[in-house]
């Protein structure tokens, strides 16, 4: 499946790029607001969020060992740690829910 800009002719791409430059010049800050709203909407629609961790070897081995001892995956183990922390900080969780997820 090709992306939308691949289907445009070179002339159409130039016109579109010029239009966007002009629009951004006339509406400073609007693009950033639009991008932020678009990102927030996408984040709300997505069920999962991926992150990459760079860990020292001892932390990696500890994480694997503890997830094995708890009979869960590494992801499950980390989620359990986060959920336990969220239970300890319910006020912060409530504030996040009120501000971000309504």
Protein backbone atom coordinates (compact mmCIF):
# COMPACT_ATOMS: atom_id res chain seq x y z
CA UNK A 1 0.00 0.00 0.00
CA UNK A 2 1.55 3.27 -1.09
CA UNK A 3 1.30 6.43 0.96
CA UNK A 4 -0.73 9.39 -0.20
CA UNK A 5 2.19 11.59 -1.26
CA UNK A 6 3.51 8.84 -3.53
CA UNK A 7 0.34 9.03 -5.60
CA UNK A 8 0.73 12.77 -6.25
CA UNK A 9 2.51 14.04 -9.31
CA UNK A 10 5.65 16.10 -8.74
CA UNK A 11 3.74 19.28 -9.59
CA UNK A 12 0.94 18.41 -7.17
CA UNK A 13 3.48 17.71 -4.40
CA UNK A 14 5.09 21.11 -4.98
CA UNK A 15 1.69 22.84 -4.83
CA UNK A 16 0.77 21.00 -1.66
CA UNK A 17 4.12 21.84 -0.04
CA UNK A 18 3.75 25.50 -1.00
CA UNK A 19 0.21 25.62 0.36
CA UNK A 20 1.37 24.12 3.67
CA UNK A 21 4.26 26.63 3.92
CA UNK A 22 1.85 29.52 3.33
CA UNK A 23 -0.68 28.15 5.80
CA UNK A 24 1.97 27.72 8.51
CA UNK A 25 3.24 31.26 7.89
CA UNK A 26 -0.29 32.67 8.28
CA UNK A 27 -1.13 30.48 11.30
CA UNK A 28 1.92 30.31 13.57
CA UNK A 29 1.43 27.85 16.40
CA UNK A 30 -1.70 26.32 14.88
CA UNK A 31 0.20 23.42 13.34
CA UNK A 32 1.77 22.58 16.69
CA UNK A 33 -1.67 22.68 18.36
CA UNK A 34 -3.10 20.51 15.60
CA UNK A 35 -0.22 18.02 15.88
CA UNK A 36 -0.65 17.87 19.67
CA UNK A 37 -4.40 17.21 19.40
CA UNK A 38 -3.77 14.61 16.70
CA UNK A 39 -1.13 12.89 18.88
CA UNK A 40 -3.40 12.92 21.94
CA UNK A 41 -6.30 11.46 19.95
CA UNK A 42 -4.04 8.73 18.57
CA UNK A 43 -2.73 7.99 22.06
CA UNK A 44 -6.26 7.69 23.40
CA UNK A 45 -7.31 5.33 20.59
CA UNK A 46 -4.26 3.12 21.03
CA UNK A 47 -4.54 0.37 23.62
CA UNK A 48 -0.81 -0.19 23.96
CA UNK A 49 2.21 2.06 24.26
CA UNK A 50 5.68 0.78 23.42
CA UNK A 51 8.89 1.93 25.02
CA UNK A 52 12.53 0.92 24.70
CA UNK A 53 14.64 0.49 27.80
CA UNK A 54 18.38 0.68 28.02
CA UNK A 55 19.32 -1.25 31.14
CA UNK A 56 22.59 -2.21 32.77
CA UNK A 57 23.18 -5.96 32.48
CA UNK A 58 22.50 -6.62 36.17
CA UNK A 59 19.10 -4.92 35.85
CA UNK A 60 18.28 -6.94 32.74
CA UNK A 61 19.18 -10.20 34.47
CA UNK A 62 17.24 -9.19 37.59
CA UNK A 63 14.20 -8.30 35.48
CA UNK A 64 14.28 -11.66 33.70
CA UNK A 65 14.82 -13.57 36.94
CA UNK A 66 11.99 -11.81 38.77
CA UNK A 67 9.58 -12.20 35.89
CA UNK A 68 10.44 -15.92 35.76
CA UNK A 69 9.97 -16.31 39.54
CA UNK A 70 6.60 -14.54 39.31
CA UNK A 71 5.62 -16.76 36.38
CA UNK A 72 4.92 -13.84 34.08
CA UNK A 73 6.46 -12.13 31.08
CA UNK A 74 8.87 -9.22 31.45
CA UNK A 75 6.10 -6.93 30.22
CA UNK A 76 3.68 -8.41 32.75
CA UNK A 77 6.20 -7.97 35.55
CA UNK A 78 6.80 -4.31 34.66
CA UNK A 79 3.03 -3.72 34.39
CA UNK A 80 2.56 -5.21 37.85
CA UNK A 81 5.21 -2.87 39.25
CA UNK A 82 3.53 0.12 37.63
CA UNK A 83 0.07 -0.92 38.85
CA UNK A 84 1.38 -1.34 42.41
CA UNK A 85 2.89 2.13 42.22
CA UNK A 86 -0.38 3.51 40.84
CA UNK A 87 -2.24 1.97 43.79
CA UNK A 88 0.14 3.81 46.14
CA UNK A 89 -0.38 7.13 44.29
CA UNK A 90 -4.13 7.16 43.65
CA UNK A 91 -4.36 10.95 43.84
CA UNK A 92 -1.92 11.39 40.94
CA UNK A 93 -3.79 8.74 38.91
CA UNK A 94 -7.09 10.56 39.52
CA UNK A 95 -5.53 13.86 38.41
CA UNK A 96 -4.25 12.23 35.23
CA UNK A 97 -7.62 10.72 34.48
CA UNK A 98 -9.38 14.05 35.01
CA UNK A 99 -6.96 16.05 32.89
CA UNK A 100 -6.03 13.67 30.08
CA UNK A 101 -8.78 11.15 29.62
CA UNK A 102 -12.04 13.10 29.73
